[in-house]
Amino acid sequence: MDLILHQLADLFLRSIPTAVLFLLLLAAYRVLVHAPLLKVLSERRERTTGAMARAEAAIRAADARAQEYEAKLRAARAEIFQAREQRMQAAQRERDRVLDEARHAAHEKVRTERERLDAEAAEARDALDARADALAAEILRVILPSATGTASAATISRSAY
């Protein structure tokens, strides 16, 4: 057992430089690689998180602008519709006014023409009455040559009308 202990002590003594080198390598790894790697990963995580936060903020801002744009678009459409409705109402009023004027003018023209036709008809009746009296007198004069018969026939012919 002594031999085994001796061999173990010898093995242990030979492993000390390897252990020391391992510890130095571990310390160098931590200082040269691990710490900068953690720092880079941390910065990357912060940048990624920051970029995502900025992206989310940009998305929210874009949504807000889109909603604002849609509200303005709705307002513009409502304004256009209202203006169109007002133009249509104005055109309707103008059309009604023109139609009323045309109706009034037509009624006035019909009235004046009716008065003219009534006047012409009265003149024609008067002319026919005068012509009829003259023709009746002429017929009686031709048929009855005496003067006394003419006067009595003219009175008869007028009473027939």
Protein backbone atom coordinates (compact mmCIF):
# COMPACT_ATOMS: atom_id res chain seq x y z
CA MET A 1 0.00 0.00 0.00
CA ASP A 2 2.89 2.15 0.49
CA LEU A 3 3.75 1.76 -3.10
CA ILE A 4 0.32 2.80 -4.18
CA LEU A 5 0.49 5.85 -1.97
CA HIS A 6 3.84 6.70 -3.34
CA GLN A 7 2.67 6.36 -6.90
CA LEU A 8 -0.37 8.47 -6.10
CA ALA A 9 1.82 11.17 -4.56
CA ASP A 10 4.07 11.09 -7.63
CA LEU A 11 1.03 11.29 -9.92
CA PHE A 12 -0.31 14.15 -7.89
CA LEU A 13 2.95 16.06 -8.09
CA ARG A 14 3.10 15.59 -11.83
CA SER A 15 -0.50 16.76 -12.24
CA ILE A 16 0.06 20.05 -10.38
CA PRO A 17 1.60 21.83 -13.42
CA THR A 18 -1.28 20.57 -15.59
CA ALA A 19 -3.82 21.76 -13.00
CA VAL A 20 -2.05 25.13 -12.75
CA LEU A 21 -2.00 25.41 -16.55
CA PHE A 22 -5.64 24.42 -16.64
CA LEU A 23 -6.53 27.08 -14.05
CA LEU A 24 -4.48 29.68 -15.96
CA LEU A 25 -6.17 28.64 -19.18
CA LEU A 26 -9.55 28.85 -17.45
CA ALA A 27 -8.71 32.35 -16.12
CA ALA A 28 -7.46 33.43 -19.54
CA TYR A 29 -10.61 32.01 -21.16
CA ARG A 30 -12.79 33.95 -18.71
CA VAL A 31 -10.86 37.17 -19.26
CA LEU A 32 -10.24 36.90 -22.99
CA VAL A 33 -13.27 35.02 -24.31
CA HIS A 34 -16.06 34.50 -21.80
CA ALA A 35 -16.38 38.06 -20.44
CA PRO A 36 -16.28 39.74 -23.91
CA LEU A 37 -18.65 37.07 -25.24
CA LEU A 38 -21.12 37.76 -22.43
CA LYS A 39 -20.75 41.48 -23.06
CA VAL A 40 -21.39 41.04 -26.80
CA LEU A 41 -24.37 38.74 -26.15
CA SER A 42 -25.76 41.24 -23.63
CA GLU A 43 -25.36 44.11 -26.12
CA ARG A 44 -26.92 41.99 -28.84
CA ARG A 45 -29.86 41.15 -26.57
CA GLU A 46 -30.27 44.85 -25.69
CA ARG A 47 -30.04 45.86 -29.33
CA THR A 48 -32.53 43.20 -30.35
CA THR A 49 -34.89 44.16 -27.56
CA GLY A 50 -34.40 47.84 -28.39
CA ALA A 51 -34.94 47.20 -32.07
CA MET A 52 -38.08 45.24 -31.30
CA ALA A 53 -39.29 48.01 -28.99
CA ARG A 54 -38.55 50.62 -31.67
CA ALA A 55 -40.29 48.45 -34.27
CA GLU A 56 -43.33 48.08 -32.02
CA ALA A 57 -43.34 51.85 -31.43
CA ALA A 58 -43.06 52.43 -35.17
CA ILE A 59 -45.93 50.01 -35.76
CA ARG A 60 -48.05 51.80 -33.17
CA ALA A 61 -47.17 55.16 -34.74
CA ALA A 62 -48.01 53.81 -38.20
CA ASP A 63 -51.32 52.47 -36.89
CA ALA A 64 -52.08 55.83 -35.32
CA ARG A 65 -51.22 57.61 -38.58
CA ALA A 66 -53.32 55.11 -40.52
CA GLN A 67 -56.28 55.70 -38.21
CA GLU A 68 -55.76 59.45 -38.52
CA TYR A 69 -55.61 59.10 -42.30
CA GLU A 70 -58.78 57.00 -42.32
CA ALA A 71 -60.54 59.57 -40.13
CA LYS A 72 -59.47 62.37 -42.48
CA LEU A 73 -60.55 60.26 -45.45
CA ARG A 74 -63.96 59.64 -43.87
CA ALA A 75 -64.31 63.35 -43.12
CA ALA A 76 -63.33 64.24 -46.69
CA ARG A 77 -65.79 61.72 -48.09
CA ALA A 78 -68.54 63.08 -45.84
CA GLU A 79 -67.68 66.62 -46.95
CA ILE A 80 -67.71 65.59 -50.61
CA PHE A 81 -71.03 63.80 -50.12
CA GLN A 82 -72.48 66.83 -48.37
CA ALA A 83 -71.25 69.18 -51.11
CA ARG A 84 -72.67 66.84 -53.75
CA GLU A 85 -75.98 66.73 -51.89
CA GLN A 86 -76.06 70.53 -51.71
CA ARG A 87 -75.31 70.80 -55.44
CA MET A 88 -78.07 68.31 -56.19
CA GLN A 89 -80.52 70.27 -54.02
CA ALA A 90 -79.50 73.54 -55.70
CA ALA A 91 -79.93 71.94 -59.12
CA GLN A 92 -83.33 70.58 -58.04
CA ARG A 93 -84.40 74.04 -56.84
CA GLU A 94 -83.18 75.60 -60.10
CA ARG A 95 -85.02 72.94 -62.13
CA ASP A 96 -88.21 73.54 -60.12
CA ARG A 97 -87.85 77.31 -60.63
CA VAL A 98 -87.36 76.89 -64.38
CA LEU A 99 -90.31 74.51 -64.57
CA ASP A 100 -92.50 76.96 -62.66
CA GLU A 101 -91.46 79.76 -65.01
CA ALA A 102 -92.14 77.56 -68.04
CA ARG A 103 -95.55 76.56 -66.65
CA HIS A 104 -96.41 80.17 -65.92
CA ALA A 105 -95.29 81.24 -69.40
CA ALA A 106 -97.27 78.39 -70.98
CA HIS A 107 -100.40 79.25 -68.98
CA GLU A 108 -99.99 82.91 -69.91
CA LYS A 109 -99.56 82.05 -73.58
CA VAL A 110 -102.58 79.73 -73.50
CA ARG A 111 -104.63 82.48 -71.85
CA THR A 112 -103.60 85.12 -74.38
CA GLU A 113 -104.18 82.77 -77.30
CA ARG A 114 -107.57 81.79 -75.90
CA GLU A 115 -108.47 85.48 -75.58
CA ARG A 116 -107.24 86.08 -79.14
CA LEU A 117 -109.22 83.08 -80.43
CA ASP A 118 -112.32 84.25 -78.52
CA ALA A 119 -111.91 87.72 -80.02
CA GLU A 120 -111.44 86.27 -83.50
CA ALA A 121 -114.48 84.03 -83.01
CA ALA A 122 -116.56 87.02 -81.88
CA GLU A 123 -115.37 89.03 -84.91
CA ALA A 124 -116.12 86.07 -87.17
CA ARG A 125 -119.62 85.71 -85.63
CA ASP A 126 -120.24 89.43 -86.06
CA ALA A 127 -118.98 89.25 -89.64
CA LEU A 128 -121.13 86.20 -90.32
CA ASP A 129 -124.16 87.87 -88.75
CA ALA A 130 -123.61 90.96 -90.87
CA ARG A 131 -123.00 88.87 -93.96
CA ALA A 132 -126.02 86.68 -93.19
CA ASP A 133 -128.23 89.76 -92.82
CA ALA A 134 -126.91 91.16 -96.07
CA LEU A 135 -127.36 87.85 -97.86
CA ALA A 136 -130.87 87.42 -96.44
CA ALA A 137 -131.79 90.92 -97.57
CA GLU A 138 -130.30 90.25 -100.98
CA ILE A 139 -132.16 86.94 -101.29
CA LEU A 140 -135.41 88.59 -100.26
CA ARG A 141 -134.87 91.46 -102.64
CA VAL A 142 -134.30 89.02 -105.46
CA ILE A 143 -137.25 86.84 -104.54
CA LEU A 144 -139.62 89.61 -103.52
CA PRO A 145 -139.12 92.65 -105.71
CA SER A 146 -141.39 94.96 -103.74
CA ALA A 147 -139.94 97.27 -101.07
CA THR A 148 -142.58 96.51 -98.48
CA GLY A 149 -141.81 92.84 -98.52
CA THR A 150 -138.11 93.48 -97.99
CA ALA A 151 -138.56 95.26 -94.73
CA SER A 152 -140.87 92.64 -93.28
CA ALA A 153 -138.65 89.78 -94.54
CA ALA A 154 -135.55 91.34 -92.97
CA THR A 155 -137.30 91.46 -89.61
CA ILE A 156 -138.36 87.86 -89.99
CA SER A 157 -134.86 86.73 -90.88
CA ARG A 158 -133.35 88.52 -87.88
CA SER A 159 -135.80 87.01 -85.46
CA ALA A 160 -134.89 83.56 -86.78
CA TYR A 161 -131.39 83.94 -85.47
